Amino acid sequence: MDLEQQKCVPCEGGLAPLSQSEAEGLMEKVPGWILVDGGIKIQRKFAFNDFVSSLEFINKLGTLAETEGHHPDISFGWGYADVVFFTHAIGGLHENDFIMAAKTNELAGPG
């Protein structure tokens, strides 16, 4: 099943984060995202034509994050949104982060 069709599962800790090789294997499924902070986070910078478009994207992402129960770190402004996922409870990456990255890509549309 494609990542964007999956649902995040609750993660309250007690699990090991994905290994570097596991994370790298999932990166090809989330185009535009990069591994950062030594491979414990994924990040993507989205570009928009104006502030309103950035804000609309962030509002949609916020609704998605609430629905999935998995929340990104976000910074945004005129023409951009910078989104970072990692699982705080385990101090690294979980499959949920990649599910959310794939769903975020869908929200942003082609490009």
N, C-alpha and C. Protein backbone atom coordinates (compact mmCIF):
# COMPACT_ATOMS: atom_id res chain seq x y z
N MET A 1 0.85 -1.17 0.00
CA MET A 1 0.00 0.00 0.00
C MET A 1 0.91 1.25 0.00
N ASP A 2 0.56 2.23 -0.82
CA ASP A 2 1.32 3.47 -0.87
C ASP A 2 1.23 4.19 0.47
N LEU A 3 2.28 4.93 0.79
CA LEU A 3 2.32 5.64 2.07
C LEU A 3 1.13 6.57 2.26
N GLU A 4 0.76 7.30 1.20
CA GLU A 4 -0.32 8.28 1.36
C GLU A 4 -1.68 7.64 1.61
N GLN A 5 -1.79 6.32 1.42
CA GLN A 5 -3.03 5.61 1.68
C GLN A 5 -3.06 5.00 3.08
N GLN A 6 -1.94 5.07 3.79
CA GLN A 6 -1.86 4.50 5.13
C GLN A 6 -2.28 5.53 6.18
N LYS A 7 -2.54 5.06 7.37
CA LYS A 7 -2.92 5.92 8.49
C LYS A 7 -1.83 5.83 9.55
N CYS A 8 -1.53 6.95 10.15
CA CYS A 8 -0.55 6.96 11.24
C CYS A 8 -1.07 6.14 12.41
N VAL A 9 -0.15 5.45 13.07
CA VAL A 9 -0.49 4.68 14.26
C VAL A 9 0.09 5.39 15.47
N PRO A 10 -0.60 5.34 16.60
CA PRO A 10 -0.08 6.02 17.79
C PRO A 10 1.30 5.50 18.17
N CYS A 11 2.18 6.43 18.52
CA CYS A 11 3.53 6.08 18.95
C CYS A 11 3.83 6.86 20.21
N GLU A 12 3.83 6.18 21.32
CA GLU A 12 4.05 6.82 22.61
C GLU A 12 5.45 6.57 23.14
N GLY A 13 6.33 6.08 22.30
CA GLY A 13 7.69 5.77 22.74
C GLY A 13 7.85 4.28 22.95
N GLY A 14 9.01 3.89 23.42
CA GLY A 14 9.29 2.49 23.65
C GLY A 14 9.69 1.74 22.40
N LEU A 15 9.73 2.42 21.26
CA LEU A 15 10.15 1.80 20.01
C LEU A 15 11.49 2.40 19.61
N ALA A 16 12.25 1.64 18.86
CA ALA A 16 13.49 2.17 18.32
C ALA A 16 13.16 2.99 17.07
N PRO A 17 13.85 4.13 16.88
CA PRO A 17 13.64 4.87 15.64
C PRO A 17 14.17 4.06 14.45
N LEU A 18 13.73 4.44 13.26
CA LEU A 18 14.23 3.78 12.06
C LEU A 18 15.74 3.96 11.97
N SER A 19 16.41 2.95 11.46
CA SER A 19 17.85 3.05 11.23
C SER A 19 18.09 3.97 10.03
N GLN A 20 19.31 4.39 9.87
CA GLN A 20 19.67 5.24 8.73
C GLN A 20 19.31 4.55 7.42
N SER A 21 19.61 3.27 7.30
CA SER A 21 19.32 2.56 6.04
C SER A 21 17.82 2.39 5.83
N GLU A 22 17.05 2.16 6.90
CA GLU A 22 15.59 2.07 6.76
C GLU A 22 15.02 3.41 6.30
N ALA A 23 15.51 4.50 6.90
CA ALA A 23 15.04 5.83 6.52
C ALA A 23 15.40 6.14 5.07
N GLU A 24 16.62 5.82 4.68
CA GLU A 24 17.05 6.06 3.31
C GLU A 24 16.20 5.26 2.32
N GLY A 25 15.79 4.05 2.70
CA GLY A 25 14.94 3.23 1.85
C GLY A 25 13.57 3.85 1.63
N LEU A 26 13.07 4.57 2.61
CA LEU A 26 11.75 5.21 2.49
C LEU A 26 11.82 6.57 1.78
N MET A 27 13.00 7.16 1.72
CA MET A 27 13.14 8.50 1.12
C MET A 27 12.69 8.53 -0.34
N GLU A 28 12.90 7.45 -1.08
CA GLU A 28 12.49 7.45 -2.49
C GLU A 28 10.98 7.52 -2.65
N LYS A 29 10.25 7.23 -1.59
CA LYS A 29 8.78 7.28 -1.65
C LYS A 29 8.22 8.66 -1.32
N VAL A 30 9.10 9.58 -0.92
CA VAL A 30 8.66 10.94 -0.57
C VAL A 30 9.53 11.96 -1.30
N PRO A 31 9.29 12.14 -2.61
CA PRO A 31 10.11 13.05 -3.40
C PRO A 31 10.10 14.48 -2.83
N GLY A 32 11.26 15.10 -2.88
CA GLY A 32 11.40 16.47 -2.42
C GLY A 32 11.85 16.59 -0.97
N TRP A 33 11.75 15.52 -0.21
CA TRP A 33 12.14 15.53 1.20
C TRP A 33 13.62 15.14 1.32
N ILE A 34 14.27 15.66 2.36
CA ILE A 34 15.66 15.32 2.63
C ILE A 34 15.80 14.89 4.09
N LEU A 35 16.78 14.04 4.34
CA LEU A 35 17.12 13.69 5.72
C LEU A 35 17.97 14.81 6.30
N VAL A 36 17.67 15.21 7.53
CA VAL A 36 18.43 16.27 8.20
C VAL A 36 18.75 15.87 9.63
N ASP A 37 19.60 16.65 10.26
CA ASP A 37 19.99 16.43 11.66
C ASP A 37 20.52 15.01 11.90
N GLY A 38 21.44 14.61 11.04
CA GLY A 38 22.04 13.29 11.21
C GLY A 38 21.11 12.14 10.89
N GLY A 39 20.07 12.40 10.10
CA GLY A 39 19.14 11.35 9.69
C GLY A 39 18.03 11.07 10.67
N ILE A 40 17.80 11.98 11.63
CA ILE A 40 16.71 11.74 12.59
C ILE A 40 15.45 12.54 12.27
N LYS A 41 15.52 13.37 11.21
CA LYS A 41 14.37 14.17 10.79
C LYS A 41 14.31 14.19 9.27
N ILE A 42 13.11 14.48 8.74
CA ILE A 42 12.97 14.74 7.31
C ILE A 42 12.39 16.14 7.15
N GLN A 43 12.80 16.81 6.07
CA GLN A 43 12.42 18.20 5.86
C GLN A 43 12.13 18.43 4.39
N ARG A 44 11.18 19.31 4.14
CA ARG A 44 10.93 19.78 2.78
C ARG A 44 10.53 21.24 2.83
N LYS A 45 11.05 22.00 1.88
CA LYS A 45 10.68 23.40 1.73
C LYS A 45 9.76 23.51 0.52
N PHE A 46 8.59 24.06 0.74
CA PHE A 46 7.59 24.25 -0.31
C PHE A 46 7.58 25.71 -0.72
N ALA A 47 7.41 25.96 -2.02
CA ALA A 47 7.36 27.33 -2.54
C ALA A 47 5.95 27.64 -3.04
N PHE A 48 5.51 28.87 -2.78
CA PHE A 48 4.20 29.34 -3.20
C PHE A 48 4.33 30.72 -3.83
N ASN A 49 3.29 31.17 -4.49
CA ASN A 49 3.34 32.45 -5.19
C ASN A 49 3.05 33.66 -4.31
N ASP A 50 2.52 33.42 -3.10
CA ASP A 50 2.17 34.54 -2.24
C ASP A 50 1.93 34.05 -0.82
N PHE A 51 1.66 34.97 0.08
CA PHE A 51 1.44 34.62 1.48
C PHE A 51 0.17 33.81 1.68
N VAL A 52 -0.90 34.21 1.00
CA VAL A 52 -2.19 33.54 1.18
C VAL A 52 -2.08 32.06 0.79
N SER A 53 -1.38 31.76 -0.28
CA SER A 53 -1.21 30.36 -0.70
C SER A 53 -0.44 29.57 0.35
N SER A 54 0.60 30.18 0.92
CA SER A 54 1.36 29.53 1.99
C SER A 54 0.46 29.24 3.18
N LEU A 55 -0.32 30.23 3.57
CA LEU A 55 -1.21 30.10 4.73
C LEU A 55 -2.28 29.03 4.47
N GLU A 56 -2.85 29.01 3.29
CA GLU A 56 -3.86 27.98 2.97
C GLU A 56 -3.26 26.58 3.06
N PHE A 57 -2.04 26.42 2.55
CA PHE A 57 -1.35 25.12 2.64
C PHE A 57 -1.14 24.73 4.11
N ILE A 58 -0.67 25.67 4.91
CA ILE A 58 -0.41 25.38 6.33
C ILE A 58 -1.71 25.01 7.05
N ASN A 59 -2.79 25.70 6.75
CA ASN A 59 -4.07 25.36 7.37
C ASN A 59 -4.52 23.95 7.00
N LYS A 60 -4.35 23.57 5.73
CA LYS A 60 -4.70 22.20 5.31
C LYS A 60 -3.80 21.19 6.01
N LEU A 61 -2.52 21.51 6.10
CA LEU A 61 -1.58 20.60 6.77
C LEU A 61 -1.93 20.46 8.25
N GLY A 62 -2.32 21.55 8.88
CA GLY A 62 -2.72 21.49 10.28
C GLY A 62 -3.92 20.59 10.49
N THR A 63 -4.89 20.67 9.60
CA THR A 63 -6.07 19.81 9.69
C THR A 63 -5.67 18.35 9.49
N LEU A 64 -4.83 18.09 8.51
CA LEU A 64 -4.34 16.72 8.28
C LEU A 64 -3.60 16.19 9.51
N ALA A 65 -2.74 17.02 10.09
CA ALA A 65 -1.96 16.60 11.26
C ALA A 65 -2.88 16.24 12.43
N GLU A 66 -3.91 17.02 12.63
CA GLU A 66 -4.87 16.71 13.70
C GLU A 66 -5.60 15.41 13.42
N THR A 67 -6.00 15.21 12.17
CA THR A 67 -6.71 13.98 11.79
C THR A 67 -5.84 12.75 12.01
N GLU A 68 -4.56 12.86 11.64
CA GLU A 68 -3.63 11.73 11.74
C GLU A 68 -3.02 11.59 13.13
N GLY A 69 -3.09 12.63 13.94
CA GLY A 69 -2.48 12.59 15.26
C GLY A 69 -0.96 12.61 15.20
N HIS A 70 -0.41 13.22 14.15
CA HIS A 70 1.04 13.30 13.99
C HIS A 70 1.37 14.68 13.43
N HIS A 71 2.13 15.45 14.19
CA HIS A 71 2.27 16.88 13.91
C HIS A 71 3.68 17.27 13.51
N PRO A 72 3.79 18.14 12.48
CA PRO A 72 5.09 18.60 12.03
C PRO A 72 5.55 19.85 12.79
N ASP A 73 6.82 20.16 12.62
CA ASP A 73 7.33 21.48 12.98
C ASP A 73 7.26 22.29 11.69
N ILE A 74 6.69 23.48 11.76
CA ILE A 74 6.45 24.28 10.56
C ILE A 74 6.94 25.71 10.78
N SER A 75 7.58 26.24 9.76
CA SER A 75 7.78 27.69 9.69
C SER A 75 7.32 28.11 8.30
N PHE A 76 6.71 29.29 8.22
CA PHE A 76 6.21 29.72 6.91
C PHE A 76 6.15 31.24 6.87
N GLY A 77 6.03 31.73 5.67
CA GLY A 77 5.90 33.16 5.45
C GLY A 77 5.51 33.40 4.00
N TRP A 78 5.81 34.59 3.51
CA TRP A 78 5.43 34.96 2.16
C TRP A 78 6.13 34.03 1.17
N GLY A 79 5.34 33.17 0.50
CA GLY A 79 5.84 32.34 -0.57
C GLY A 79 6.56 31.07 -0.17
N TYR A 80 6.53 30.69 1.10
CA TYR A 80 7.23 29.46 1.49
C TYR A 80 6.60 28.80 2.71
N ALA A 81 6.87 27.52 2.83
CA ALA A 81 6.56 26.76 4.03
C ALA A 81 7.68 25.74 4.20
N ASP A 82 8.24 25.67 5.37
CA ASP A 82 9.30 24.73 5.71
C ASP A 82 8.72 23.74 6.71
N VAL A 83 8.68 22.47 6.33
CA VAL A 83 8.01 21.44 7.13
C VAL A 83 9.02 20.38 7.54
N VAL A 84 9.02 20.03 8.81
CA VAL A 84 9.92 19.01 9.36
C VAL A 84 9.09 17.98 10.11
N PHE A 85 9.37 16.72 9.84
CA PHE A 85 8.75 15.63 10.59
C PHE A 85 9.81 14.80 11.30
N PHE A 86 9.51 14.44 12.52
CA PHE A 86 10.21 13.40 13.26
C PHE A 86 9.33 13.04 14.44
N THR A 87 9.60 11.92 15.03
CA THR A 87 8.74 11.45 16.11
C THR A 87 9.41 11.77 17.44
N HIS A 88 8.89 12.78 18.11
CA HIS A 88 9.47 13.26 19.36
C HIS A 88 9.59 12.15 20.39
N ALA A 89 8.58 11.29 20.49
CA ALA A 89 8.54 10.26 21.53
C ALA A 89 9.69 9.26 21.43
N ILE A 90 10.26 9.10 20.22
CA ILE A 90 11.36 8.14 20.07
C ILE A 90 12.66 8.84 19.65
N GLY A 91 12.61 10.15 19.51
CA GLY A 91 13.82 10.90 19.19
C GLY A 91 14.39 10.60 17.82
N GLY A 92 13.52 10.26 16.89
CA GLY A 92 13.98 9.95 15.54
C GLY A 92 12.81 9.71 14.61
N LEU A 93 13.09 8.99 13.55
CA LEU A 93 12.07 8.76 12.52
C LEU A 93 11.30 7.47 12.74
N HIS A 94 10.03 7.54 12.41
CA HIS A 94 9.10 6.40 12.46
C HIS A 94 8.39 6.38 11.10
N GLU A 95 7.80 5.28 10.75
CA GLU A 95 7.07 5.22 9.49
C GLU A 95 6.00 6.31 9.40
N ASN A 96 5.42 6.71 10.54
CA ASN A 96 4.43 7.79 10.55
C ASN A 96 4.97 9.06 9.88
N ASP A 97 6.24 9.36 10.08
CA ASP A 97 6.82 10.56 9.50
C ASP A 97 6.78 10.50 7.97
N PHE A 98 7.01 9.34 7.43
CA PHE A 98 6.99 9.17 5.98
C PHE A 98 5.57 9.14 5.43
N ILE A 99 4.65 8.58 6.20
CA ILE A 99 3.23 8.63 5.82
C ILE A 99 2.79 10.09 5.73
N MET A 100 3.15 10.88 6.73
CA MET A 100 2.76 12.29 6.73
C MET A 100 3.47 13.07 5.63
N ALA A 101 4.71 12.74 5.34
CA ALA A 101 5.42 13.42 4.25
C ALA A 101 4.73 13.14 2.92
N ALA A 102 4.32 11.90 2.69
CA ALA A 102 3.63 11.55 1.45
C ALA A 102 2.28 12.28 1.36
N LYS A 103 1.56 12.33 2.44
CA LYS A 103 0.27 13.03 2.46
C LYS A 103 0.46 14.54 2.29
N THR A 104 1.54 15.07 2.84
CA THR A 104 1.84 16.49 2.69
C THR A 104 2.15 16.80 1.23
N ASN A 105 2.89 15.92 0.58
CA ASN A 105 3.16 16.09 -0.85
C ASN A 105 1.85 16.15 -1.65
N GLU A 106 0.91 15.29 -1.30
CA GLU A 106 -0.39 15.32 -1.98
C GLU A 106 -1.11 16.65 -1.78
N LEU A 107 -1.05 17.18 -0.55
CA LEU A 107 -1.69 18.48 -0.26
C LEU A 107 -1.09 19.59 -1.11
N ALA A 108 0.22 19.54 -1.29
CA ALA A 108 0.91 20.60 -2.02
C ALA A 108 0.64 20.53 -3.50
N GLY A 109 0.31 19.35 -3.99
CA GLY A 109 0.04 19.19 -5.42
C GLY A 109 1.33 19.04 -6.22
N PRO A 110 1.20 19.01 -7.53
CA PRO A 110 2.38 18.80 -8.38
C PRO A 110 3.38 19.94 -8.22
N GLY A 111 4.64 19.55 -8.38
CA GLY A 111 5.66 20.59 -8.33
C GLY A 111 6.76 20.32 -7.45
